[in-house]
């Protein structure tokens, strides 16, 4: 029996030109990518908007989120460093993690310990003594013994240490590596050079900034000198690459801001220097109020000033170019002030204050403990508060 032919069945043959089909496929993929991109952008905007809303408003309470007790209650100093906290006293230097648990401990015998740090290295020295210990996050890197009493100290990220050694007639400035080897030695003649009032090392350890003070009759002069121990200073007498004098002022503080800026702070002004190898004055900013304290980051320079026109104090912030960012009244004087990211943190005893770099008073109030160190924790509006016997995580709320 013959099978009946089915005329509605056809054999499909591929078209000769596939360009139309490929165009449709590409168009579909492009539309899909656009939808994904738009969704991601909207989600990112929502997250950023929520963060900015939470980060740029005022809060009235500081609540405790977690507490990490300590087994010590001695008179120690505390400093934020790397991902943890340094506790130092006469008997030792201890590195604590952010759960207040000891990671390592180095015994010491320091009568008057002082602390200096950079991002990757820190040192603890015996002020008036002869011992310096250099550390990294992993622990002790080296010990230095000086021949004269230590008066001032500065450190670089590589662990290079510069020290002003006290001598009645001719004080010395000596630079050591972390193992105690002498890298450079500067003789000072107080009658001609002046007496060193401030000192700071660049992050790479190549440039040393020193402020000298000379007094003649009723007048005084500060001289800010930059020494370069790299190639730029090899051909210069005594490695001096820059020297500037300032009349009738004491340049009492020096600090570097990144690789190419340094700031000298006097009693009535501050000067921004620019240049990595041979810093030169770029801008001088006069201050019309008495300086109570100065603090900085690589991006900002901050001052707490005595407000002579009104009762109280003024918080003033400048960027690294010397442009004023904010100026606002403070309810009181705070012994400690620091810049942590985009926030200014001020504290003294149980009083605590946070001001953003845009000038918003984020929090002003009291803590239930006396703070020895405060810094930001992971998350929005969360902070670590170190007291004598515990590390506490607090968060801000309405």
Protein backbone atom coordinates (compact mmCIF):
# COMPACT_ATOMS: atom_id res chain seq x y z
CA UNK A 1 0.00 0.00 0.00
CA UNK A 2 1.49 3.33 -1.04
CA UNK A 3 1.98 6.01 1.65
CA UNK A 4 0.14 9.27 1.02
CA UNK A 5 2.33 12.30 0.43
CA UNK A 6 2.03 15.07 3.08
CA UNK A 7 2.35 18.40 1.32
CA UNK A 8 2.47 20.50 4.52
CA UNK A 9 5.84 19.05 5.53
CA UNK A 10 8.78 21.05 4.22
CA UNK A 11 12.51 20.71 4.59
CA UNK A 12 14.10 23.91 5.95
CA UNK A 13 17.39 24.97 4.47
CA UNK A 14 19.72 27.47 6.22
CA UNK A 15 19.73 30.93 4.71
CA UNK A 16 22.73 31.97 2.71
CA UNK A 17 23.19 35.21 4.66
CA UNK A 18 23.30 34.98 8.50
CA UNK A 19 23.93 38.70 9.09
CA UNK A 20 20.31 39.47 10.01
CA UNK A 21 20.23 36.71 12.56
CA UNK A 22 23.57 37.76 14.09
CA UNK A 23 22.40 41.37 14.28
CA UNK A 24 19.33 40.28 16.22
CA UNK A 25 21.48 38.20 18.59
CA UNK A 26 23.86 41.10 19.21
CA UNK A 27 20.93 43.46 19.76
CA UNK A 28 19.40 41.07 22.29
CA UNK A 29 22.70 40.71 24.16
CA UNK A 30 23.23 44.49 24.20
CA UNK A 31 19.74 45.10 25.58
CA UNK A 32 20.33 42.47 28.27
CA UNK A 33 23.70 44.03 29.22
CA UNK A 34 22.08 47.46 29.42
CA UNK A 35 19.35 46.15 31.74
CA UNK A 36 21.97 44.57 33.98
CA UNK A 37 24.07 47.76 33.98
CA UNK A 38 21.08 49.99 34.77
CA UNK A 39 20.03 47.68 37.61
CA UNK A 40 23.57 47.66 39.03
CA UNK A 41 23.84 51.46 38.80
CA UNK A 42 20.47 51.94 40.51
CA UNK A 43 21.47 49.48 43.24
CA UNK A 44 24.82 51.24 43.73
CA UNK A 45 23.11 54.63 43.90
CA UNK A 46 20.69 53.29 46.51
CA UNK A 47 23.55 51.89 48.62
CA UNK A 48 25.65 55.07 48.30
CA UNK A 49 22.64 57.25 49.05
CA UNK A 50 21.83 55.26 52.16
CA UNK A 51 25.46 55.40 53.31
CA UNK A 52 25.71 59.16 52.75
CA UNK A 53 22.41 59.68 54.55
CA UNK A 54 23.63 57.72 57.57
CA UNK A 55 27.14 59.17 57.44
CA UNK A 56 26.17 62.83 57.15
CA UNK A 57 23.63 63.39 59.88
CA UNK A 58 23.82 64.09 63.58
CA UNK A 59 23.37 61.45 66.26
CA UNK A 60 22.47 61.78 69.92
CA UNK A 61 23.55 58.50 71.50
CA UNK A 62 26.56 56.22 71.55
CA UNK A 63 25.58 52.64 72.37
CA UNK A 64 27.82 49.66 73.06
CA UNK A 65 27.86 46.90 70.46
CA UNK A 66 30.61 44.70 71.94
CA UNK A 67 33.09 44.66 74.82
CA UNK A 68 36.47 42.93 74.96
CA UNK A 69 37.91 43.01 78.50
CA UNK A 70 41.61 43.12 79.30
CA UNK A 71 43.52 41.57 82.18
CA UNK A 72 45.55 44.74 82.72
CA UNK A 73 44.67 47.95 84.51
CA UNK A 74 48.05 49.71 84.50
CA UNK A 75 48.97 53.19 83.36
CA UNK A 76 49.67 52.50 79.69
CA UNK A 77 49.64 54.46 76.49
CA UNK A 78 47.58 53.23 73.53
CA UNK A 79 48.00 53.94 69.83
CA UNK A 80 46.20 52.68 66.75
CA UNK A 81 48.61 50.92 64.41
CA UNK A 82 48.03 48.83 61.24
CA UNK A 83 45.10 46.49 61.97
CA UNK A 84 45.46 46.58 65.73
CA UNK A 85 46.41 48.59 68.81
CA UNK A 86 49.76 49.17 70.49
CA UNK A 87 49.87 49.21 74.29
CA UNK A 88 53.13 50.51 75.74
CA UNK A 89 54.39 51.26 79.24
CA UNK A 90 57.58 51.00 81.28
CA UNK A 91 57.57 47.22 81.26
CA UNK A 92 56.75 46.33 77.68
CA UNK A 93 55.22 46.89 74.26
CA UNK A 94 52.20 44.78 73.29
CA UNK A 95 50.37 44.41 70.00
CA UNK A 96 46.63 43.77 70.41
CA UNK A 97 44.16 42.73 67.73
CA UNK A 98 40.71 44.28 67.45
CA UNK A 99 39.30 41.78 69.92
CA UNK A 100 41.76 43.08 72.53
CA UNK A 101 43.71 39.82 72.37
CA UNK A 102 47.49 39.87 72.67
CA UNK A 103 49.36 38.98 69.47
CA UNK A 104 52.88 39.54 70.76
CA UNK A 105 54.63 41.21 73.68
CA UNK A 106 58.14 42.66 73.93
CA UNK A 107 59.47 43.24 77.48
CA UNK A 108 61.22 46.58 78.05
CA UNK A 109 62.69 48.67 80.83
CA UNK A 110 61.86 52.26 79.88
CA UNK A 111 61.52 54.97 82.50
CA UNK A 112 59.69 57.48 80.29
CA UNK A 113 58.42 55.78 77.10
CA UNK A 114 57.51 57.91 74.09
CA UNK A 115 55.86 56.64 70.90
CA UNK A 116 56.32 57.65 67.25
CA UNK A 117 54.88 55.92 64.19
CA UNK A 118 54.48 55.81 60.44
CA UNK A 119 52.14 53.55 58.49
CA UNK A 120 54.35 50.42 58.55
CA UNK A 121 56.78 51.01 61.44
CA UNK A 122 56.84 52.51 64.92
CA UNK A 123 59.36 53.09 67.68
CA UNK A 124 59.21 53.36 71.45
CA UNK A 125 62.05 55.32 73.04
CA UNK A 126 63.10 56.17 76.57
CA UNK A 127 62.87 59.96 76.70
CA UNK A 128 65.91 61.14 78.65
CA UNK A 129 67.39 57.65 78.46
CA UNK A 130 69.39 55.74 75.87
CA UNK A 131 67.12 52.99 74.50
CA UNK A 132 65.04 52.84 71.30
CA UNK A 133 63.06 49.83 70.11
CA UNK A 134 61.91 49.67 66.48
CA UNK A 135 58.86 47.56 65.54
CA UNK A 136 56.69 46.51 62.63
CA UNK A 137 53.31 44.78 62.78
CA UNK A 138 55.15 41.44 63.10
CA UNK A 139 57.14 42.49 66.17
CA UNK A 140 60.57 43.78 67.15
CA UNK A 141 62.85 44.74 64.26
CA UNK A 142 65.81 46.08 66.20
CA UNK A 143 67.17 47.84 69.28
CA UNK A 144 69.26 50.99 69.38
CA UNK A 145 71.44 52.22 72.23
CA UNK A 146 72.53 55.86 72.14
CA UNK A 147 75.55 57.43 73.80
CA UNK A 148 73.67 60.55 74.96
CA UNK A 149 70.17 61.09 76.41
CA UNK A 150 67.31 61.04 73.90
CA UNK A 151 65.42 64.30 73.49
CA UNK A 152 63.43 63.96 70.24
CA UNK A 153 62.78 61.09 67.85
CA UNK A 154 61.29 60.55 64.37
CA UNK A 155 60.81 57.40 62.26
CA UNK A 156 60.30 56.45 58.60
CA UNK A 157 58.29 53.60 57.09
CA UNK A 158 61.51 51.61 56.61
CA UNK A 159 62.32 51.82 60.32
CA UNK A 160 65.02 54.47 59.91
CA UNK A 161 65.16 56.54 63.11
CA UNK A 162 66.45 60.09 63.59
CA UNK A 163 67.21 61.24 67.12
CA UNK A 164 68.14 64.50 68.78
CA UNK A 165 70.63 63.62 71.52
CA UNK A 166 70.92 66.03 74.41
CA UNK A 167 74.24 67.63 75.17
CA UNK A 168 74.82 70.81 77.12
CA UNK A 169 77.20 72.24 74.56
CA UNK A 170 76.69 70.57 71.18
CA UNK A 171 73.54 68.45 70.73
CA UNK A 172 73.64 65.91 67.92
CA UNK A 173 71.19 64.60 65.36
CA UNK A 174 71.93 61.01 64.41
CA UNK A 175 70.09 58.78 61.93
CA UNK A 176 70.11 55.02 62.59
CA UNK A 177 68.76 52.04 60.71
CA UNK A 178 66.50 49.64 62.60
CA UNK A 179 69.49 47.53 63.69
CA UNK A 180 71.29 50.50 65.28
CA UNK A 181 73.85 51.22 62.54
CA UNK A 182 74.62 54.95 62.14
CA UNK A 183 73.54 56.27 58.74
CA UNK A 184 74.23 59.98 59.23
CA UNK A 185 75.42 62.31 61.97
CA UNK A 186 74.82 66.07 62.12
CA UNK A 187 76.75 68.35 64.44
CA UNK A 188 74.76 71.29 65.80
CA UNK A 189 76.14 74.57 67.04
CA UNK A 190 73.38 76.30 69.03
CA UNK A 191 75.18 79.65 68.73
CA UNK A 192 74.99 79.65 64.92
CA UNK A 193 72.58 76.93 63.83
CA UNK A 194 70.12 77.27 66.71
CA UNK A 195 68.59 74.64 68.94
CA UNK A 196 66.34 71.96 67.38
CA UNK A 197 62.70 72.46 68.41
CA UNK A 198 61.03 70.01 66.02
CA UNK A 199 62.05 67.17 63.71
CA UNK A 200 60.38 64.81 61.24
CA UNK A 201 61.43 62.17 58.69
CA UNK A 202 59.82 61.58 55.31
CA UNK A 203 58.09 58.25 54.71
CA UNK A 204 61.00 56.92 52.65
CA UNK A 205 63.60 58.11 55.16
CA UNK A 206 65.53 60.19 52.59
CA UNK A 207 64.51 63.65 53.81
CA UNK A 208 64.88 65.00 57.34
CA UNK A 209 63.14 68.24 58.35
CA UNK A 210 64.46 70.12 61.38
CA UNK A 211 63.29 73.39 62.90
CA UNK A 212 65.98 75.40 64.75
CA UNK A 213 65.42 78.31 67.11
CA UNK A 214 67.89 81.11 67.78
CA UNK A 215 67.38 83.90 70.31
CA UNK A 216 69.17 87.23 70.05
CA UNK A 217 68.33 89.89 72.63
CA UNK A 218 64.54 90.22 72.64
CA UNK A 219 64.11 88.74 69.15
CA UNK A 220 63.95 85.16 67.99
CA UNK A 221 64.28 83.44 64.62
CA UNK A 222 63.21 80.00 63.46
CA UNK A 223 65.01 78.27 60.62
CA UNK A 224 63.44 75.27 58.87
CA UNK A 225 66.13 73.11 57.27
CA UNK A 226 65.70 70.08 55.00
CA UNK A 227 68.47 67.48 54.77
CA UNK A 228 68.45 64.92 51.95
CA UNK A 229 70.44 61.72 52.40
CA UNK A 230 69.73 60.43 48.87
CA UNK A 231 71.23 61.48 45.56
CA UNK A 232 69.75 64.99 45.74
CA UNK A 233 71.76 65.85 48.86
CA UNK A 234 75.07 64.18 48.07
CA UNK A 235 76.49 67.25 46.33
CA UNK A 236 75.18 69.75 48.89
CA UNK A 237 77.15 70.97 51.94
CA UNK A 238 76.02 68.99 54.99
CA UNK A 239 73.26 67.47 52.78
CA UNK A 240 71.20 70.67 53.17
CA UNK A 241 68.82 71.08 50.20
CA UNK A 242 66.58 73.82 51.59
CA UNK A 243 66.72 76.41 54.39
CA UNK A 244 64.20 79.17 55.24
CA UNK A 245 64.18 81.66 58.12
CA UNK A 246 61.12 83.02 59.95
CA UNK A 247 61.35 86.01 62.31
CA UNK A 248 59.55 86.35 65.62
CA UNK A 249 57.97 82.93 65.58
CA UNK A 250 58.65 79.44 66.91
CA UNK A 251 58.21 76.66 64.36
CA UNK A 252 57.24 74.06 66.92
CA UNK A 253 55.82 71.27 64.74
CA UNK A 254 56.77 69.58 61.47
CA UNK A 255 55.06 66.80 59.54
CA UNK A 256 55.07 65.30 56.05
CA UNK A 257 51.90 64.83 54.00
CA UNK A 258 52.62 62.09 51.51
CA UNK A 259 55.72 62.14 49.36
CA UNK A 260 55.93 65.76 48.20
CA UNK A 261 54.50 68.02 50.90
CA UNK A 262 55.65 69.02 54.35
CA UNK A 263 54.12 71.47 56.83
CA UNK A 264 55.85 73.67 59.39
CA UNK A 265 53.57 75.02 62.11
CA UNK A 266 54.47 78.17 64.02
CA UNK A 267 52.73 79.95 66.86
CA UNK A 268 50.80 82.26 64.51
CA UNK A 269 50.92 80.62 61.07
CA UNK A 270 51.77 77.50 59.13
CA UNK A 271 53.78 77.01 55.95
CA UNK A 272 53.23 74.36 53.28
CA UNK A 273 56.40 73.14 51.57
CA UNK A 274 56.36 71.31 48.26
CA UNK A 275 58.97 69.04 46.70
CA UNK A 276 60.16 65.52 47.39
CA UNK A 277 63.95 65.97 47.22
CA UNK A 278 64.32 69.69 48.01
CA UNK A 279 61.13 71.07 49.60
CA UNK A 280 60.54 74.79 49.11
CA UNK A 281 57.89 77.05 50.70
CA UNK A 282 54.76 77.13 48.56
CA UNK A 283 52.17 78.87 50.74
CA UNK A 284 52.06 80.54 54.17
CA UNK A 285 48.73 80.84 55.99
CA UNK A 286 48.35 83.22 58.93
CA UNK A 287 46.25 82.14 61.91
CA UNK A 288 44.33 84.77 63.83
CA UNK A 289 43.70 82.63 66.91
CA UNK A 290 45.97 80.92 69.43
CA UNK A 291 46.77 77.32 68.52
CA UNK A 292 45.76 74.75 71.11
CA UNK A 293 46.53 71.61 69.11
CA UNK A 294 47.35 70.53 65.55
CA UNK A 295 46.63 67.23 63.79
CA UNK A 296 46.83 65.98 60.21
CA UNK A 297 46.46 63.25 57.63
CA UNK A 298 47.90 63.05 54.12
CA UNK A 299 44.89 65.06 52.89
CA UNK A 300 44.02 67.51 55.68
CA UNK A 301 45.56 69.83 58.28
CA UNK A 302 43.46 70.48 61.38
CA UNK A 303 43.68 72.96 64.25
CA UNK A 304 41.87 73.49 67.53
CA UNK A 305 42.11 77.24 68.17
CA UNK A 306 41.27 79.34 71.19
CA UNK A 307 38.34 81.51 70.16
CA UNK A 308 39.32 84.90 71.54
CA UNK A 309 36.23 86.71 70.23
CA UNK A 310 33.84 84.24 71.82
CA UNK A 311 34.07 81.87 74.74
CA UNK A 312 35.17 78.39 73.74
CA UNK A 313 37.21 76.93 70.92
CA UNK A 314 37.22 76.78 67.14
CA UNK A 315 37.85 73.77 64.91
CA UNK A 316 39.46 74.74 61.62
CA UNK A 317 40.37 72.42 58.76
CA UNK A 318 42.51 73.02 55.66
CA UNK A 319 43.25 70.79 52.69
CA UNK A 320 46.78 69.94 51.53
CA UNK A 321 46.81 73.04 49.28
CA UNK A 322 46.19 75.34 52.24
CA UNK A 323 42.57 76.09 51.36
CA UNK A 324 40.23 76.41 54.35
CA UNK A 325 37.57 73.69 54.34
CA UNK A 326 35.59 74.26 57.54
CA UNK A 327 35.48 76.48 60.60
CA UNK A 328 33.08 75.80 63.43
CA UNK A 329 32.76 76.29 67.16
CA UNK A 330 33.56 73.51 69.60
CA UNK A 331 31.73 73.11 72.90
CA UNK A 332 34.99 72.61 74.79
CA UNK A 333 38.67 71.78 74.57
CA UNK A 334 39.72 68.21 73.78
CA UNK A 335 43.16 66.87 74.66
CA UNK A 336 43.22 64.42 71.75
CA UNK A 337 42.30 65.13 68.14
CA UNK A 338 42.88 63.07 65.00
CA UNK A 339 41.69 62.71 61.42
CA UNK A 340 40.43 59.24 60.55
CA UNK A 341 39.35 59.06 56.91
CA UNK A 342 36.75 61.79 56.34
CA UNK A 343 36.07 62.41 60.04
CA UNK A 344 37.71 64.42 62.81
CA UNK A 345 37.63 62.56 66.13
CA UNK A 346 38.13 64.53 69.36
CA UNK A 347 38.08 63.09 72.86
CA UNK A 348 39.17 63.76 76.42
CA UNK A 349 38.18 61.62 79.39
CA UNK A 350 34.62 60.49 78.74
CA UNK A 351 33.83 63.41 76.40
CA UNK A 352 33.63 62.50 72.73
CA UNK A 353 33.05 64.52 69.56
CA UNK A 354 32.97 63.69 65.84
CA UNK A 355 32.94 66.30 63.05
CA UNK A 356 33.00 65.39 59.36
CA UNK A 357 35.42 67.08 56.98
CA UNK A 358 32.37 68.82 55.48
CA UNK A 359 31.63 70.45 58.84
CA UNK A 360 28.74 68.35 60.12
CA UNK A 361 28.71 67.82 63.89
CA UNK A 362 28.05 64.09 63.75
CA UNK A 363 28.18 63.43 67.48
CA UNK A 364 28.91 65.36 70.63
CA UNK A 365 28.34 63.79 74.02
CA UNK A 366 29.74 61.50 76.67
CA UNK A 367 30.98 57.94 76.79
CA UNK A 368 30.52 55.69 79.78
CA UNK A 369 34.30 55.15 79.97
CA UNK A 370 37.38 57.36 79.85
CA UNK A 371 38.82 56.94 76.37
CA UNK A 372 42.56 56.49 75.85
CA UNK A 373 42.25 55.90 72.08
CA UNK A 374 39.36 56.10 69.61
CA UNK A 375 39.26 55.12 65.94
CA UNK A 376 36.77 53.95 63.34
CA UNK A 377 35.59 50.35 63.15
CA UNK A 378 34.26 48.43 60.15
CA UNK A 379 30.71 49.44 59.29
CA UNK A 380 28.73 52.65 59.34
CA UNK A 381 28.95 54.82 62.47
CA UNK A 382 30.93 52.24 64.47
CA UNK A 383 34.03 53.04 66.54
CA UNK A 384 36.60 51.36 68.75
CA UNK A 385 37.07 52.94 72.19
CA UNK A 386 40.11 51.81 74.19
CA UNK A 387 39.98 52.34 77.96
CA UNK A 388 42.23 51.15 80.77
CA UNK A 389 40.70 47.70 81.09
CA UNK A 390 38.69 47.02 77.93
CA UNK A 391 38.24 47.57 74.21
CA UNK A 392 34.70 48.59 73.38
CA UNK A 393 32.87 48.81 70.04
CA UNK A 394 30.26 51.55 70.00
CA UNK A 395 27.76 52.68 67.38
CA UNK A 396 25.93 55.96 66.96
CA UNK A 397 22.17 56.14 66.98
CA UNK A 398 19.41 58.71 67.21
